[in-house]
PDB file of N, CA and C in Angstrom:
ATOM      1  N   MET A   1     -51.629   9.169  -3.508  1.00  0.00           N
ATOM      2  CA  MET A   1     -50.540   8.262  -3.193  1.00  0.00           C
ATOM      3  C   MET A   1     -50.330   7.197  -4.273  1.00  0.00           C
ATOM      4  N   PRO A   2     -51.407   6.601  -4.824  1.00  0.00           N
ATOM      5  CA  PRO A   2     -51.175   5.605  -5.882  1.00  0.00           C
ATOM      6  C   PRO A   2     -50.416   6.192  -7.072  1.00  0.00           C
ATOM      7  N   GLU A   3     -50.645   7.466  -7.375  1.00  0.00           N
ATOM      8  CA  GLU A   3     -49.942   8.078  -8.511  1.00  0.00           C
ATOM      9  C   GLU A   3     -48.440   8.185  -8.233  1.00  0.00           C
ATOM     10  N   ALA A   4     -48.083   8.449  -6.971  1.00  0.00           N
ATOM     11  CA  ALA A   4     -46.662   8.503  -6.601  1.00  0.00           C
ATOM     12  C   ALA A   4     -46.039   7.113  -6.747  1.00  0.00           C
ATOM     13  N   SER A   5     -46.762   6.091  -6.308  1.00  0.00           N
ATOM     14  CA  SER A   5     -46.259   4.717  -6.450  1.00  0.00           C
ATOM     15  C   SER A   5     -46.102   4.364  -7.919  1.00  0.00           C
ATOM     16  N   ALA A   6     -47.084   4.743  -8.722  1.00  0.00           N
ATOM     17  CA  ALA A   6     -47.008   4.470 -10.162  1.00  0.00           C
ATOM     18  C   ALA A   6     -45.800   5.165 -10.770  1.00  0.00           C
ATOM     19  N   SER A   7     -45.543   6.383 -10.343  1.00  0.00           N
ATOM     20  CA  SER A   7     -44.395   7.127 -10.860  1.00  0.00           C
ATOM     21  C   SER A   7     -43.075   6.434 -10.502  1.00  0.00           C
ATOM     22  N   HIS A   8     -42.975   5.964  -9.268  1.00  0.00           N
ATOM     23  CA  HIS A   8     -41.764   5.254  -8.839  1.00  0.00           C
ATOM     24  C   HIS A   8     -41.586   3.964  -9.634  1.00  0.00           C
ATOM     25  N   LEU A   9     -42.678   3.248  -9.853  1.00  0.00           N
ATOM     26  CA  LEU A   9     -42.598   1.999 -10.615  1.00  0.00           C
ATOM     27  C   LEU A   9     -42.205   2.265 -12.065  1.00  0.00           C
ATOM     28  N   ARG A  10     -42.723   3.346 -12.637  1.00  0.00           N
ATOM     29  CA  ARG A  10     -42.339   3.688 -14.014  1.00  0.00           C
ATOM     30  C   ARG A  10     -40.858   4.057 -14.096  1.00  0.00           C
ATOM     31  N   THR A  11     -40.366   4.725 -13.080  1.00  0.00           N
ATOM     32  CA  THR A  11     -38.942   5.068 -13.034  1.00  0.00           C
ATOM     33  C   THR A  11     -38.095   3.798 -12.970  1.00  0.00           C
ATOM     34  N   LEU A  12     -38.512   2.845 -12.145  1.00  0.00           N
ATOM     35  CA  LEU A  12     -37.796   1.570 -12.062  1.00  0.00           C
ATOM     36  C   LEU A  12     -37.850   0.818 -13.386  1.00  0.00           C
ATOM     37  N   ALA A  13     -38.997   0.856 -14.049  1.00  0.00           N
ATOM     38  CA  ALA A  13     -39.121   0.201 -15.355  1.00  0.00           C
ATOM     39  C   ALA A  13     -38.175   0.837 -16.361  1.00  0.00           C
ATOM     40  N   ALA A  14     -38.095   2.153 -16.361  1.00  0.00           N
ATOM     41  CA  ALA A  14     -37.190   2.852 -17.275  1.00  0.00           C
ATOM     42  C   ALA A  14     -35.736   2.494 -16.968  1.00  0.00           C
ATOM     43  N   ASP A  15     -35.413   2.369 -15.683  1.00  0.00           N
ATOM     44  CA  ASP A  15     -34.048   1.982 -15.302  1.00  0.00           C
ATOM     45  C   ASP A  15     -33.724   0.573 -15.803  1.00  0.00           C
ATOM     46  N   ALA A  16     -34.673  -0.350 -15.680  1.00  0.00           N
ATOM     47  CA  ALA A  16     -34.455  -1.714 -16.162  1.00  0.00           C
ATOM     48  C   ALA A  16     -34.265  -1.716 -17.674  1.00  0.00           C
ATOM     49  N   GLU A  17     -35.049  -0.909 -18.380  1.00  0.00           N
ATOM     50  CA  GLU A  17     -34.897  -0.824 -19.837  1.00  0.00           C
ATOM     51  C   GLU A  17     -33.544  -0.223 -20.213  1.00  0.00           C
ATOM     52  N   ALA A  18     -33.092   0.773 -19.444  1.00  0.00           N
ATOM     53  CA  ALA A  18     -31.781   1.373 -19.709  1.00  0.00           C
ATOM     54  C   ALA A  18     -30.665   0.354 -19.471  1.00  0.00           C
ATOM     55  N   LEU A  19     -30.782  -0.432 -18.416  1.00  0.00           N
ATOM     56  CA  LEU A  19     -29.792  -1.486 -18.161  1.00  0.00           C
ATOM     57  C   LEU A  19     -29.798  -2.521 -19.272  1.00  0.00           C
ATOM     58  N   GLN A  20     -30.973  -2.847 -19.762  1.00  0.00           N
ATOM     59  CA  GLN A  20     -31.076  -3.801 -20.860  1.00  0.00           C
ATOM     60  C   GLN A  20     -30.367  -3.255 -22.101  1.00  0.00           C
ATOM     61  N   GLN A  21     -30.537  -1.981 -22.384  1.00  0.00           N
ATOM     62  CA  GLN A  21     -29.877  -1.361 -23.536  1.00  0.00           C
ATOM     63  C   GLN A  21     -28.363  -1.352 -23.357  1.00  0.00           C
ATOM     64  N   ARG A  22     -27.901  -1.048 -22.142  1.00  0.00           N
ATOM     65  CA  ARG A  22     -26.463  -1.049 -21.883  1.00  0.00           C
ATOM     66  C   ARG A  22     -25.881  -2.452 -22.046  1.00  0.00           C
ATOM     67  N   LEU A  23     -26.628  -3.462 -21.604  1.00  0.00           N
ATOM     68  CA  LEU A  23     -26.184  -4.840 -21.791  1.00  0.00           C
ATOM     69  C   LEU A  23     -26.139  -5.182 -23.272  1.00  0.00           C
ATOM     70  N   ARG A  24     -27.141  -4.769 -24.029  1.00  0.00           N
ATOM     71  CA  ARG A  24     -27.166  -5.006 -25.483  1.00  0.00           C
ATOM     72  C   ARG A  24     -25.942  -4.364 -26.135  1.00  0.00           C
ATOM     73  N   ASP A  25     -25.639  -3.136 -25.755  1.00  0.00           N
ATOM     74  CA  ASP A  25     -24.479  -2.443 -26.313  1.00  0.00           C
ATOM     75  C   ASP A  25     -23.173  -3.149 -25.956  1.00  0.00           C
ATOM     76  N   ALA A  26     -23.073  -3.610 -24.717  1.00  0.00           N
ATOM     77  CA  ALA A  26     -21.861  -4.311 -24.286  1.00  0.00           C
ATOM     78  C   ALA A  26     -21.708  -5.634 -25.033  1.00  0.00           C
ATOM     79  N   LEU A  27     -22.805  -6.340 -25.227  1.00  0.00           N
ATOM     80  CA  LEU A  27     -22.748  -7.614 -25.935  1.00  0.00           C
ATOM     81  C   LEU A  27     -22.334  -7.433 -27.391  1.00  0.00           C
ATOM     82  N   ALA A  28     -22.736  -6.330 -27.979  1.00  0.00           N
ATOM     83  CA  ALA A  28     -22.397  -6.076 -29.381  1.00  0.00           C
ATOM     84  C   ALA A  28     -20.888  -5.941 -29.575  1.00  0.00           C
ATOM     85  N   GLY A  29     -20.184  -5.531 -28.529  1.00  0.00           N
ATOM     86  CA  GLY A  29     -18.745  -5.333 -28.638  1.00  0.00           C
ATOM     87  C   GLY A  29     -17.909  -6.543 -28.266  1.00  0.00           C
ATOM     88  N   LEU A  30     -18.545  -7.640 -27.870  1.00  0.00           N
ATOM     89  CA  LEU A  30     -17.803  -8.822 -27.439  1.00  0.00           C
ATOM     90  C   LEU A  30     -17.701  -9.841 -28.564  1.00  0.00           C
ATOM     91  N   ASP A  31     -16.534 -10.413 -28.682  1.00  0.00           N
ATOM     92  CA  ASP A  31     -16.303 -11.481 -29.655  1.00  0.00           C
ATOM     93  C   ASP A  31     -15.775 -12.704 -28.920  1.00  0.00           C
ATOM     94  N   GLY A  32     -16.041 -13.855 -29.477  1.00  0.00           N
ATOM     95  CA  GLY A  32     -15.444 -15.082 -28.961  1.00  0.00           C
ATOM     96  C   GLY A  32     -15.982 -15.557 -27.620  1.00  0.00           C
ATOM     97  N   MET A  33     -17.249 -15.298 -27.335  1.00  0.00           N
ATOM     98  CA  MET A  33     -17.816 -15.777 -26.071  1.00  0.00           C
ATOM     99  C   MET A  33     -18.079 -17.280 -26.156  1.00  0.00           C
ATOM    100  N   THR A  34     -17.902 -17.938 -25.023  1.00  0.00           N
ATOM    101  CA  THR A  34     -18.256 -19.356 -24.975  1.00  0.00           C
ATOM    102  C   THR A  34     -19.779 -19.474 -24.971  1.00  0.00           C
ATOM    103  N   PRO A  35     -20.311 -20.623 -25.350  1.00  0.00           N
ATOM    104  CA  PRO A  35     -21.769 -20.792 -25.330  1.00  0.00           C
ATOM    105  C   PRO A  35     -22.382 -20.557 -23.949  1.00  0.00           C
ATOM    106  N   THR A  36     -21.681 -20.966 -22.893  1.00  0.00           N
ATOM    107  CA  THR A  36     -22.196 -20.786 -21.536  1.00  0.00           C
ATOM    108  C   THR A  36     -22.314 -19.311 -21.195  1.00  0.00           C
ATOM    109  N   ILE A  37     -21.286 -18.550 -21.494  1.00  0.00           N
ATOM    110  CA  ILE A  37     -21.312 -17.115 -21.214  1.00  0.00           C
ATOM    111  C   ILE A  37     -22.387 -16.439 -22.055  1.00  0.00           C
ATOM    112  N   SER A  38     -22.459 -16.801 -23.305  1.00  0.00           N
ATOM    113  CA  SER A  38     -23.466 -16.231 -24.190  1.00  0.00           C
ATOM    114  C   SER A  38     -24.878 -16.516 -23.661  1.00  0.00           C
ATOM    115  N   PHE A  39     -25.114 -17.741 -23.219  1.00  0.00           N
ATOM    116  CA  PHE A  39     -26.418 -18.121 -22.677  1.00  0.00           C
ATOM    117  C   PHE A  39     -26.740 -17.324 -21.423  1.00  0.00           C
ATOM    118  N   GLN A  40     -25.773 -17.202 -20.522  1.00  0.00           N
ATOM    119  CA  GLN A  40     -25.996 -16.478 -19.265  1.00  0.00           C
ATOM    120  C   GLN A  40     -26.288 -15.001 -19.525  1.00  0.00           C
ATOM    121  N   LEU A  41     -25.569 -14.406 -20.448  1.00  0.00           N
ATOM    122  CA  LEU A  41     -25.835 -13.004 -20.781  1.00  0.00           C
ATOM    123  C   LEU A  41     -27.198 -12.852 -21.452  1.00  0.00           C
ATOM    124  N   GLY A  42     -27.565 -13.807 -22.267  1.00  0.00           N
ATOM    125  CA  GLY A  42     -28.896 -13.782 -22.872  1.00  0.00           C
ATOM    126  C   GLY A  42     -29.986 -13.894 -21.830  1.00  0.00           C
ATOM    127  N   GLN A  43     -29.765 -14.732 -20.834  1.00  0.00           N
ATOM    128  CA  GLN A  43     -30.724 -14.871 -19.742  1.00  0.00           C
ATOM    129  C   GLN A  43     -30.828 -13.560 -18.951  1.00  0.00           C
ATOM    130  N   ALA A  44     -29.710 -12.907 -18.702  1.00  0.00           N
ATOM    131  CA  ALA A  44     -29.722 -11.631 -17.986  1.00  0.00           C
ATOM    132  C   ALA A  44     -30.493 -10.587 -18.787  1.00  0.00           C
ATOM    133  N   PHE A  45     -30.279 -10.563 -20.086  1.00  0.00           N
ATOM    134  CA  PHE A  45     -30.981  -9.633 -20.971  1.00  0.00           C
ATOM    135  C   PHE A  45     -32.486  -9.879 -20.901  1.00  0.00           C
ATOM    136  N   ALA A  46     -32.891 -11.126 -20.973  1.00  0.00           N
ATOM    137  CA  ALA A  46     -34.316 -11.474 -20.916  1.00  0.00           C
ATOM    138  C   ALA A  46     -34.909 -11.112 -19.557  1.00  0.00           C
ATOM    139  N   SER A  47     -34.158 -11.333 -18.494  1.00  0.00           N
ATOM    140  CA  SER A  47     -34.644 -11.004 -17.151  1.00  0.00           C
ATOM    141  C   SER A  47     -34.878  -9.513 -16.994  1.00  0.00           C
ATOM    142  N   LEU A  48     -33.985  -8.702 -17.530  1.00  0.00           N
ATOM    143  CA  LEU A  48     -34.177  -7.253 -17.458  1.00  0.00           C
ATOM    144  C   LEU A  48     -35.423  -6.825 -18.226  1.00  0.00           C
ATOM    145  N   GLY A  49     -35.642  -7.411 -19.371  1.00  0.00           N
ATOM    146  CA  GLY A  49     -36.836  -7.090 -20.152  1.00  0.00           C
ATOM    147  C   GLY A  49     -38.100  -7.491 -19.409  1.00  0.00           C
ATOM    148  N   SER A  50     -38.065  -8.651 -18.790  1.00  0.00           N
ATOM    149  CA  SER A  50     -39.216  -9.116 -18.013  1.00  0.00           C
ATOM    150  C   SER A  50     -39.472  -8.208 -16.818  1.00  0.00           C
ATOM    151  N   ALA A  51     -38.410  -7.801 -16.149  1.00  0.00           N
ATOM    152  CA  ALA A  51     -38.558  -6.894 -15.006  1.00  0.00           C
ATOM    153  C   ALA A  51     -39.176  -5.574 -15.442  1.00  0.00           C
ATOM    154  N   ALA A  52     -38.731  -5.051 -16.556  1.00  0.00           N
ATOM    155  CA  ALA A  52     -39.278  -3.783 -17.053  1.00  0.00           C
ATOM    156  C   ALA A  52     -40.768  -3.918 -17.350  1.00  0.00           C
ATOM    157  N   ARG A  53     -41.167  -5.014 -17.985  1.00  0.00           N
ATOM    158  CA  ARG A  53     -42.593  -5.222 -18.301  1.00  0.00           C
ATOM    159  C   ARG A  53     -43.422  -5.387 -17.039  1.00  0.00           C
ATOM    160  N   THR A  54     -42.901  -6.121 -16.060  1.00  0.00           N
ATOM    161  CA  THR A  54     -43.613  -6.330 -14.793  1.00  0.00           C
ATOM    162  C   THR A  54     -43.786  -5.016 -14.054  1.00  0.00           C
ATOM    163  N   LEU A  55     -42.726  -4.221 -14.001  1.00  0.00           N
ATOM    164  CA  LEU A  55     -42.812  -2.933 -13.323  1.00  0.00           C
ATOM    165  C   LEU A  55     -43.786  -1.987 -14.020  1.00  0.00           C
ATOM    166  N   GLU A  56     -43.777  -1.988 -15.323  1.00  0.00           N
ATOM    167  CA  GLU A  56     -44.711  -1.120 -16.064  1.00  0.00           C
ATOM    168  C   GLU A  56     -46.148  -1.557 -15.821  1.00  0.00           C
ATOM    169  N   ALA A  57     -46.395  -2.854 -15.786  1.00  0.00           N
ATOM    170  CA  ALA A  57     -47.745  -3.357 -15.493  1.00  0.00           C
ATOM    171  C   ALA A  57     -48.171  -2.963 -14.082  1.00  0.00           C
ATOM    172  N   ALA A  58     -47.264  -3.080 -13.132  1.00  0.00           N
ATOM    173  CA  ALA A  58     -47.577  -2.685 -11.758  1.00  0.00           C
ATOM    174  C   ALA A  58     -47.855  -1.184 -11.671  1.00  0.00           C
ATOM    175  N   ALA A  59     -47.123  -0.392 -12.433  1.00  0.00           N
ATOM    176  CA  ALA A  59     -47.338   1.057 -12.451  1.00  0.00           C
ATOM    177  C   ALA A  59     -48.726   1.375 -12.999  1.00  0.00           C
ATOM    178  N   SER A  60     -49.121   0.693 -14.048  1.00  0.00           N
ATOM    179  CA  SER A  60     -50.453   0.908 -14.618  1.00  0.00           C
ATOM    180  C   SER A  60     -51.540   0.524 -13.628  1.00  0.00           C
ATOM    181  N   GLU A  61     -51.319  -0.574 -12.941  1.00  0.00           N
ATOM    182  CA  GLU A  61     -52.296  -1.031 -11.937  1.00  0.00           C
ATOM    183  C   GLU A  61     -52.374  -0.049 -10.778  1.00  0.00           C
ATOM    184  N   ALA A  62     -51.225   0.453 -10.322  1.00  0.00           N
ATOM    185  CA  ALA A  62     -51.211   1.405  -9.204  1.00  0.00           C
ATOM    186  C   ALA A  62     -51.886   2.715  -9.585  1.00  0.00           C
ATOM    187  N   ALA A  63     -51.703   3.131 -10.819  1.00  0.00           N
ATOM    188  CA  ALA A  63     -52.320   4.380 -11.274  1.00  0.00           C
ATOM    189  C   ALA A  63     -53.835   4.245 -11.390  1.00  0.00           C
ATOM    190  N   ALA A  64     -54.309   3.025 -11.632  1.00  0.00           N
ATOM    191  CA  ALA A  64     -55.736   2.793 -11.812  1.00  0.00           C
ATOM    192  C   ALA A  64     -56.492   2.739 -10.472  1.00  0.00           C
ATOM    193  N   VAL A  65     -55.762   2.605  -9.382  1.00  0.00           N
ATOM    194  CA  VAL A  65     -56.394   2.495  -8.051  1.00  0.00           C
ATOM    195  C   VAL A  65     -56.920   3.821  -7.595  1.00  0.00           C
TER     196      VAL A  65
END
């Protein structure tokens, strides 16, 4: 069972990383953003990266059980 949980967590981590990449791609195509919008999108990007790292750590921990 822990291996199944680890697999699900790794899938979620991969999804968060994919969303982060899609956000990066979308940001590359935008011009003329206000500082507030730029900051908020940067925060969203950082949050996705943090979520991916947290999920991957949880997956490693679940697999070790």
